[in-house]
Amino acid sequence: MRKTIEDNAKRRLTEPFEIRTVINVLRERGCPNEDLPILMTRYFYVDLDTLNDVMKSA
């Protein structure tokens, strides 16, 4: 069961380009690398395998 209406509004991030874009925005706002996955999964449904690949290449 979903807890809030906000859970229904999460956008799916499955493409490397989309994930890279969000990572760049969060880094520009001062987010440390170790907090990126936590923040991204809070606001988006993220393909974690792709996220790990993008983070390794960056």
Protein backbone atom coordinates (compact mmCIF):
# COMPACT_ATOMS: atom_id res chain seq x y z
CA MET A 1 0.00 0.00 0.00
CA ARG A 2 1.32 3.43 -0.85
CA LYS A 3 1.96 5.82 2.01
CA THR A 4 1.46 9.17 0.33
CA ILE A 5 0.21 10.72 -2.86
CA GLU A 6 3.81 11.74 -3.60
CA ASP A 7 4.74 8.09 -4.17
CA ASN A 8 2.34 8.05 -7.12
CA ALA A 9 4.11 10.98 -8.72
CA LYS A 10 7.62 9.50 -8.84
CA ARG A 11 9.20 9.55 -12.26
CA ARG A 12 11.10 6.51 -13.55
CA LEU A 13 14.78 6.97 -14.39
CA THR A 14 15.97 4.09 -16.53
CA GLU A 15 18.14 5.73 -19.18
CA PRO A 16 21.79 6.59 -18.42
CA PHE A 17 21.34 10.09 -19.86
CA GLU A 18 18.46 10.86 -17.47
CA ILE A 19 20.37 9.50 -14.48
CA ARG A 20 23.50 11.45 -15.43
CA THR A 21 21.43 14.64 -15.71
CA VAL A 22 19.97 14.22 -12.22
CA ILE A 23 23.42 13.41 -10.80
CA ASN A 24 24.83 16.60 -12.35
CA VAL A 25 22.01 18.72 -10.92
CA LEU A 26 22.47 17.25 -7.44
CA ARG A 27 26.24 17.74 -7.59
CA GLU A 28 25.78 21.38 -8.64
CA ARG A 29 23.62 21.85 -5.54
CA GLY A 30 26.41 20.51 -3.34
CA CYS A 31 25.27 16.94 -2.76
CA PRO A 32 28.15 14.60 -1.85
CA ASN A 33 28.59 11.46 -3.97
CA GLU A 34 27.71 9.09 -1.14
CA ASP A 35 24.28 10.76 -0.72
CA LEU A 36 23.34 10.67 -4.43
CA PRO A 37 21.68 7.22 -4.45
CA ILE A 38 19.70 8.02 -1.30
CA LEU A 39 18.31 11.28 -2.64
CA MET A 40 17.63 9.88 -6.09
CA THR A 41 15.61 6.93 -4.76
CA ARG A 42 13.67 9.27 -2.50
CA TYR A 43 12.34 11.28 -5.44
CA PHE A 44 12.57 8.87 -8.40
CA TYR A 45 12.20 5.21 -9.25
CA VAL A 46 15.78 4.52 -10.33
CA ASP A 47 17.21 1.53 -12.17
CA LEU A 48 19.94 0.81 -9.61
CA ASP A 49 22.12 -1.24 -11.96
CA THR A 50 22.20 1.64 -14.42
CA LEU A 51 22.81 4.11 -11.59
CA ASN A 52 25.82 2.09 -10.42
CA ASP A 53 27.19 1.93 -13.98
CA VAL A 54 26.79 5.69 -14.44
CA MET A 55 28.41 6.43 -11.07
CA LYS A 56 31.39 4.19 -11.90
CA SER A 57 31.92 5.90 -15.24
CA ALA A 58 31.66 9.42 -13.81
